[in-house]
Amino acid sequence: MNVQIDRTFFETDPLICAPSLIGCELIWGETAGLIVETEAYAEHGDEASHTFLRRGAREFIRINPAGTLYIYLNYGVHWLLNFLVKGSRANGFVLIRALEPTGGCDVMAQRRGISENRQLCSGPGKLTQALAIDHKFHGEDFFAISQAKLLPRRRRIHVEVDRRVGITKSAEFDWRFLLAGSGFVSLARKNHAKAQAKIP
């Protein structure tokens, strides 16, 4: 039986957790996929984070344990899946941006209305639709959801670093992480970052 990731995985800071999630397998009910793209968001010093202007987001971090799901509607269209990361020198969120489908592809295709595997979960809004994740799971403890599991990497991988997507504030932060060579990411790597940026 596969060993599952526990809460301590999220009791760190976002810039450690986000790349560590690459290559892990997210199982959600009858669907599953390898995480191939993530983004980190910090509670402090990150103008692109919800916490910069939203008191509710800061309160969410304060009252919930690491591993709680933070799900919001982006541009009134797509639900986005984030994990709360806290307990180290910095708190924040990790956005799951893309998956490589590994199970339940027929179900995903029906939900998405397409058949091309590479397009099923190649974006944060696409993957929540494919996995049927919406506002009902906002604030839920991931480790209390019976249909959800997170499995560790099964092989050695290389993680690439890039700028976050669609960000105008704190746009200089290289806080997007991708599985090198994956054809399932939302966008190919564009910024050739020399080193991973640190949390301010």
C-alpha atoms as a PDB file:
ATOM      1  CA  MET A   1       0.000   0.000   0.000  1.00  0.00           C
ATOM      2  CA  ASN A   2       1.317   3.450  -0.906  1.00  0.00           C
ATOM      3  CA  VAL A   3       2.369   5.698   1.934  1.00  0.00           C
ATOM      4  CA  GLN A   4       0.317   8.883   1.995  1.00  0.00           C
ATOM      5  CA  ILE A   5       1.623  12.374   2.651  1.00  0.00           C
ATOM      6  CA  ASP A   6       0.561  13.717   6.046  1.00  0.00           C
ATOM      7  CA  ARG A   7      -0.003  17.167   7.517  1.00  0.00           C
ATOM      8  CA  THR A   8       3.655  17.752   8.366  1.00  0.00           C
ATOM      9  CA  PHE A   9       4.310  18.068   4.617  1.00  0.00           C
ATOM     10  CA  PHE A  10       2.438  21.406   4.713  1.00  0.00           C
ATOM     11  CA  GLU A  11       3.945  22.614   7.976  1.00  0.00           C
ATOM     12  CA  THR A  12       6.698  24.518   6.187  1.00  0.00           C
ATOM     13  CA  ASP A  13       6.856  27.622   3.997  1.00  0.00           C
ATOM     14  CA  PRO A  14       5.301  27.932   0.519  1.00  0.00           C
ATOM     15  CA  LEU A  15       8.622  28.019  -1.353  1.00  0.00           C
ATOM     16  CA  ILE A  16       9.606  24.671   0.101  1.00  0.00           C
ATOM     17  CA  CYS A  17       6.190  23.058  -0.266  1.00  0.00           C
ATOM     18  CA  ALA A  18       5.413  24.177  -3.836  1.00  0.00           C
ATOM     19  CA  PRO A  19       8.365  22.460  -5.561  1.00  0.00           C
ATOM     20  CA  SER A  20       8.061  19.468  -3.218  1.00  0.00           C
ATOM     21  CA  LEU A  21       4.543  18.822  -4.532  1.00  0.00           C
ATOM     22  CA  ILE A  22       5.793  18.390  -8.099  1.00  0.00           C
ATOM     23  CA  GLY A  23       5.668  14.702  -8.979  1.00  0.00           C
ATOM     24  CA  CYS A  24       3.274  13.804  -6.162  1.00  0.00           C
ATOM     25  CA  GLU A  25      -0.009  12.148  -7.080  1.00  0.00           C
ATOM     26  CA  LEU A  26      -3.297  13.787  -6.111  1.00  0.00           C
ATOM     27  CA  ILE A  27      -6.170  11.317  -5.855  1.00  0.00           C
ATOM     28  CA  TRP A  28      -9.655  12.769  -5.715  1.00  0.00           C
ATOM     29  CA  GLY A  29     -12.463  10.238  -5.737  1.00  0.00           C
ATOM     30  CA  GLU A  30     -12.333   8.253  -8.969  1.00  0.00           C
ATOM     31  CA  THR A  31      -9.900  10.675 -10.592  1.00  0.00           C
ATOM     32  CA  ALA A  32      -6.166  11.200 -10.097  1.00  0.00           C
ATOM     33  CA  GLY A  33      -3.157  12.983 -11.524  1.00  0.00           C
ATOM     34  CA  LEU A  34       0.503  13.753 -10.995  1.00  0.00           C
ATOM     35  CA  ILE A  35       1.101  17.339  -9.938  1.00  0.00           C
ATOM     36  CA  VAL A  36       3.237  18.915 -12.662  1.00  0.00           C
ATOM     37  CA  GLU A  37       2.863  22.637 -11.935  1.00  0.00           C
ATOM     38  CA  THR A  38       2.430  24.730  -8.788  1.00  0.00           C
ATOM     39  CA  GLU A  39       2.775  28.335  -7.640  1.00  0.00           C
ATOM     40  CA  ALA A  40       3.734  29.685  -4.214  1.00  0.00           C
ATOM     41  CA  TYR A  41       2.054  32.671  -2.535  1.00  0.00           C
ATOM     42  CA  ALA A  42       3.346  34.229   0.677  1.00  0.00           C
ATOM     43  CA  GLU A  43       1.299  35.810   3.442  1.00  0.00           C
ATOM     44  CA  HIS A  44       3.684  38.770   3.779  1.00  0.00           C
ATOM     45  CA  GLY A  45       5.568  40.761   1.159  1.00  0.00           C
ATOM     46  CA  ASP A  46       3.667  39.282  -1.785  1.00  0.00           C
ATOM     47  CA  GLU A  47       1.274  41.742  -3.428  1.00  0.00           C
ATOM     48  CA  ALA A  48      -0.128  38.980  -5.653  1.00  0.00           C
ATOM     49  CA  SER A  49      -1.368  36.999  -2.644  1.00  0.00           C
ATOM     50  CA  HIS A  50      -4.938  37.295  -1.383  1.00  0.00           C
ATOM     51  CA  THR A  51      -3.486  38.086   2.026  1.00  0.00           C
ATOM     52  CA  PHE A  52      -2.076  41.410   0.810  1.00  0.00           C
ATOM     53  CA  LEU A  53      -5.495  43.101   0.699  1.00  0.00           C
ATOM     54  CA  ARG A  54      -7.946  40.580   2.142  1.00  0.00           C
ATOM     55  CA  ARG A  55      -8.290  40.398   5.905  1.00  0.00           C
ATOM     56  CA  GLY A  56     -10.369  37.237   5.465  1.00  0.00           C
ATOM     57  CA  ALA A  57      -7.435  35.457   3.823  1.00  0.00           C
ATOM     58  CA  ARG A  58      -5.126  36.427   6.685  1.00  0.00           C
ATOM     59  CA  GLU A  59      -7.719  35.219   9.190  1.00  0.00           C
ATOM     60  CA  PHE A  60      -8.056  31.983   7.220  1.00  0.00           C
ATOM     61  CA  ILE A  61      -4.362  31.324   7.724  1.00  0.00           C
ATOM     62  CA  ARG A  62      -4.556  32.176  11.406  1.00  0.00           C
ATOM     63  CA  ILE A  63      -7.431  29.868  12.346  1.00  0.00           C
ATOM     64  CA  ASN A  64      -6.888  26.835  10.095  1.00  0.00           C
ATOM     65  CA  PRO A  65      -4.293  24.043  10.223  1.00  0.00           C
ATOM     66  CA  ALA A  66      -1.738  23.413   7.501  1.00  0.00           C
ATOM     67  CA  GLY A  67      -3.279  21.372   4.697  1.00  0.00           C
ATOM     68  CA  THR A  68      -6.634  23.155   4.749  1.00  0.00           C
ATOM     69  CA  LEU A  69      -8.046  23.788   1.272  1.00  0.00           C
ATOM     70  CA  TYR A  70      -8.336  27.401   0.163  1.00  0.00           C
ATOM     71  CA  ILE A  71     -10.609  27.494  -2.887  1.00  0.00           C
ATOM     72  CA  TYR A  72     -11.768  30.645  -4.627  1.00  0.00           C
ATOM     73  CA  LEU A  73     -13.476  31.692  -7.834  1.00  0.00           C
ATOM     74  CA  ASN A  74     -11.070  33.320 -10.282  1.00  0.00           C
ATOM     75  CA  TYR A  75     -12.532  36.023 -12.546  1.00  0.00           C
ATOM     76  CA  GLY A  76     -15.992  34.703 -11.708  1.00  0.00           C
ATOM     77  CA  VAL A  77     -15.382  31.621 -13.850  1.00  0.00           C
ATOM     78  CA  HIS A  78     -12.899  29.042 -12.517  1.00  0.00           C
ATOM     79  CA  TRP A  79     -12.464  27.535  -9.069  1.00  0.00           C
ATOM     80  CA  LEU A  80      -8.805  27.369  -8.018  1.00  0.00           C
ATOM     81  CA  LEU A  81      -7.362  24.782  -5.622  1.00  0.00           C
ATOM     82  CA  ASN A  82      -4.836  25.938  -3.019  1.00  0.00           C
ATOM     83  CA  PHE A  83      -3.300  24.274   0.026  1.00  0.00           C
ATOM     84  CA  LEU A  84      -2.666  26.275   3.189  1.00  0.00           C
ATOM     85  CA  VAL A  85       1.003  26.096   4.154  1.00  0.00           C
ATOM     86  CA  LYS A  86       2.032  27.287   7.619  1.00  0.00           C
ATOM     87  CA  GLY A  87       4.219  26.508  10.575  1.00  0.00           C
ATOM     88  CA  SER A  88       7.657  27.610   9.443  1.00  0.00           C
ATOM     89  CA  ARG A  89       9.208  31.065   9.124  1.00  0.00           C
ATOM     90  CA  ALA A  90       6.614  32.034   6.505  1.00  0.00           C
ATOM     91  CA  ASN A  91       2.983  31.122   5.829  1.00  0.00           C
ATOM     92  CA  GLY A  92       0.930  31.203   2.649  1.00  0.00           C
ATOM     93  CA  PHE A  93      -0.679  29.103  -0.039  1.00  0.00           C
ATOM     94  CA  VAL A  94       0.343  26.750  -2.826  1.00  0.00           C
ATOM     95  CA  LEU A  95      -1.802  26.842  -5.958  1.00  0.00           C
ATOM     96  CA  ILE A  96      -2.103  23.588  -7.900  1.00  0.00           C
ATOM     97  CA  ARG A  97      -1.824  24.696 -11.532  1.00  0.00           C
ATOM     98  CA  ALA A  98      -1.698  21.490 -13.572  1.00  0.00           C
ATOM     99  CA  LEU A  99      -1.904  17.700 -13.373  1.00  0.00           C
ATOM    100  CA  GLU A 100      -0.916  14.839 -15.625  1.00  0.00           C
ATOM    101  CA  PRO A 101      -3.994  12.566 -15.502  1.00  0.00           C
ATOM    102  CA  THR A 102      -3.309   9.092 -14.113  1.00  0.00           C
ATOM    103  CA  GLY A 103      -6.779   7.789 -13.324  1.00  0.00           C
ATOM    104  CA  GLY A 104     -10.417   8.419 -14.191  1.00  0.00           C
ATOM    105  CA  CYS A 105      -9.641  10.027 -17.537  1.00  0.00           C
ATOM    106  CA  ASP A 106     -13.038   9.092 -18.953  1.00  0.00           C
ATOM    107  CA  VAL A 107     -14.742  10.839 -16.034  1.00  0.00           C
ATOM    108  CA  MET A 108     -12.524  13.887 -16.457  1.00  0.00           C
ATOM    109  CA  ALA A 109     -13.246  14.007 -20.181  1.00  0.00           C
ATOM    110  CA  GLN A 110     -16.974  13.899 -19.560  1.00  0.00           C
ATOM    111  CA  ARG A 111     -16.779  16.719 -17.038  1.00  0.00           C
ATOM    112  CA  ARG A 112     -14.561  18.836 -19.273  1.00  0.00           C
ATOM    113  CA  GLY A 113     -16.346  18.041 -22.524  1.00  0.00           C
ATOM    114  CA  ILE A 114     -13.094  17.148 -24.292  1.00  0.00           C
ATOM    115  CA  SER A 115     -11.148  13.971 -24.996  1.00  0.00           C
ATOM    116  CA  GLU A 116      -7.522  15.128 -25.309  1.00  0.00           C
ATOM    117  CA  ASN A 117      -5.658  13.945 -22.185  1.00  0.00           C
ATOM    118  CA  ARG A 118      -3.137  16.778 -22.317  1.00  0.00           C
ATOM    119  CA  GLN A 119      -5.944  19.318 -22.067  1.00  0.00           C
ATOM    120  CA  LEU A 120      -7.892  17.726 -19.217  1.00  0.00           C
ATOM    121  CA  CYS A 121      -5.941  19.318 -16.349  1.00  0.00           C
ATOM    122  CA  SER A 122      -3.476  21.709 -18.028  1.00  0.00           C
ATOM    123  CA  GLY A 123      -4.513  24.726 -15.985  1.00  0.00           C
ATOM    124  CA  PRO A 124      -5.834  25.495 -12.493  1.00  0.00           C
ATOM    125  CA  GLY A 125      -9.439  25.983 -13.631  1.00  0.00           C
ATOM    126  CA  LYS A 126      -9.353  22.941 -15.892  1.00  0.00           C
ATOM    127  CA  LEU A 127      -8.182  20.590 -13.159  1.00  0.00           C
ATOM    128  CA  THR A 128     -10.836  21.654 -10.647  1.00  0.00           C
ATOM    129  CA  GLN A 129     -13.508  21.080 -13.276  1.00  0.00           C
ATOM    130  CA  ALA A 130     -12.014  17.690 -14.152  1.00  0.00           C
ATOM    131  CA  LEU A 131     -11.856  16.630 -10.504  1.00  0.00           C
ATOM    132  CA  ALA A 132     -15.219  18.243  -9.582  1.00  0.00           C
ATOM    133  CA  ILE A 133     -13.660  20.541  -6.965  1.00  0.00           C
ATOM    134  CA  ASP A 134     -15.590  23.706  -6.161  1.00  0.00           C
ATOM    135  CA  HIS A 135     -16.511  26.090  -3.330  1.00  0.00           C
ATOM    136  CA  LYS A 136     -18.035  23.287  -1.244  1.00  0.00           C
ATOM    137  CA  PHE A 137     -14.520  22.194  -0.298  1.00  0.00           C
ATOM    138  CA  HIS A 138     -13.277  25.644   0.716  1.00  0.00           C
ATOM    139  CA  GLY A 139     -12.069  25.536   4.310  1.00  0.00           C
ATOM    140  CA  GLU A 140     -12.105  21.738   4.437  1.00  0.00           C
ATOM    141  CA  ASP A 141      -9.195  19.911   6.012  1.00  0.00           C
ATOM    142  CA  PHE A 142      -7.680  17.910   3.155  1.00  0.00           C
ATOM    143  CA  PHE A 143      -6.804  15.106   5.560  1.00  0.00           C
ATOM    144  CA  ALA A 144     -10.428  14.795   6.675  1.00  0.00           C
ATOM    145  CA  ILE A 145     -11.782  14.309   3.136  1.00  0.00           C
ATOM    146  CA  SER A 146     -12.282  10.575   2.669  1.00  0.00           C
ATOM    147  CA  GLN A 147     -12.138  10.738  -1.132  1.00  0.00           C
ATOM    148  CA  ALA A 148      -8.836  12.639  -1.231  1.00  0.00           C
ATOM    149  CA  LYS A 149      -5.275  11.363  -0.929  1.00  0.00           C
ATOM    150  CA  LEU A 150      -1.829  12.695  -1.713  1.00  0.00           C
ATOM    151  CA  LEU A 151       0.914  10.206  -2.557  1.00  0.00           C
ATOM    152  CA  PRO A 152       4.655  10.996  -2.595  1.00  0.00           C
ATOM    153  CA  ARG A 153       6.892  10.910  -5.659  1.00  0.00           C
ATOM    154  CA  ARG A 154       7.700   7.487  -7.040  1.00  0.00           C
ATOM    155  CA  ARG A 155      10.777   8.531  -9.014  1.00  0.00           C
ATOM    156  CA  ARG A 156      13.519  11.127  -9.153  1.00  0.00           C
ATOM    157  CA  ILE A 157      12.506  14.236 -11.069  1.00  0.00           C
ATOM    158  CA  HIS A 158      13.849  17.632 -12.080  1.00  0.00           C
ATOM    159  CA  VAL A 159      11.860  20.712 -11.076  1.00  0.00           C
ATOM    160  CA  GLU A 160      12.110  23.881 -13.160  1.00  0.00           C
ATOM    161  CA  VAL A 161      11.572  27.393 -11.799  1.00  0.00           C
ATOM    162  CA  ASP A 162       9.722  30.207 -13.578  1.00  0.00           C
ATOM    163  CA  ARG A 163       7.713  33.382 -13.047  1.00  0.00           C
ATOM    164  CA  ARG A 164       4.107  33.047 -11.927  1.00  0.00           C
ATOM    165  CA  VAL A 165       1.396  33.285 -14.587  1.00  0.00           C
ATOM    166  CA  GLY A 166      -0.869  36.323 -15.031  1.00  0.00           C
ATOM    167  CA  ILE A 167       0.779  38.284 -12.218  1.00  0.00           C
ATOM    168  CA  THR A 168       1.296  42.043 -12.435  1.00  0.00           C
ATOM    169  CA  LYS A 169       2.198  42.696  -8.786  1.00  0.00           C
ATOM    170  CA  SER A 170       5.246  40.928  -7.323  1.00  0.00           C
ATOM    171  CA  ALA A 171       5.762  39.777 -10.907  1.00  0.00           C
ATOM    172  CA  GLU A 172       9.509  39.462 -10.436  1.00  0.00           C
ATOM    173  CA  PHE A 173       9.205  36.491  -8.091  1.00  0.00           C
ATOM    174  CA  ASP A 174      10.256  33.170  -9.606  1.00  0.00           C
ATOM    175  CA  TRP A 175       7.631  31.224  -7.699  1.00  0.00           C
ATOM    176  CA  ARG A 176       6.192  28.885 -10.334  1.00  0.00           C
ATOM    177  CA  PHE A 177       7.448  25.305 -10.361  1.00  0.00           C
ATOM    178  CA  LEU A 178       7.152  22.785 -13.184  1.00  0.00           C
ATOM    179  CA  LEU A 179       8.015  19.179 -13.858  1.00  0.00           C
ATOM    180  CA  ALA A 180      10.833  19.396 -16.412  1.00  0.00           C
ATOM    181  CA  GLY A 181       9.838  18.063 -19.811  1.00  0.00           C
ATOM    182  CA  SER A 182       6.154  17.680 -18.973  1.00  0.00           C
ATOM    183  CA  GLY A 183       3.666  18.241 -21.780  1.00  0.00           C
ATOM    184  CA  PHE A 184       0.840  18.650 -19.286  1.00  0.00           C
ATOM    185  CA  VAL A 185       1.745  22.062 -17.809  1.00  0.00           C
ATOM    186  CA  SER A 186      -0.418  25.104 -18.483  1.00  0.00           C
ATOM    187  CA  LEU A 187       2.388  27.105 -20.093  1.00  0.00           C
ATOM    188  CA  ALA A 188       5.922  26.186 -21.065  1.00  0.00           C
ATOM    189  CA  ARG A 189       8.728  27.714 -19.029  1.00  0.00           C
ATOM    190  CA  LYS A 190       9.716  31.145 -20.338  1.00  0.00           C
ATOM    191  CA  ASN A 191      11.879  32.746 -17.673  1.00  0.00           C
ATOM    192  CA  HIS A 192      15.304  31.193 -17.279  1.00  0.00           C
ATOM    193  CA  ALA A 193      15.683  31.949 -13.597  1.00  0.00           C
ATOM    194  CA  LYS A 194      19.194  31.539 -12.262  1.00  0.00           C
ATOM    195  CA  ALA A 195      17.982  30.829  -8.751  1.00  0.00           C
ATOM    196  CA  GLN A 196      14.760  30.458  -6.851  1.00  0.00           C
ATOM    197  CA  ALA A 197      13.617  33.732  -5.284  1.00  0.00           C
ATOM    198  CA  LYS A 198      13.352  33.851  -1.516  1.00  0.00           C
ATOM    199  CA  ILE A 199      10.398  35.026   0.504  1.00  0.00           C
ATOM    200  CA  PRO A 200      10.910  38.688   1.431  1.00  0.00           C
END
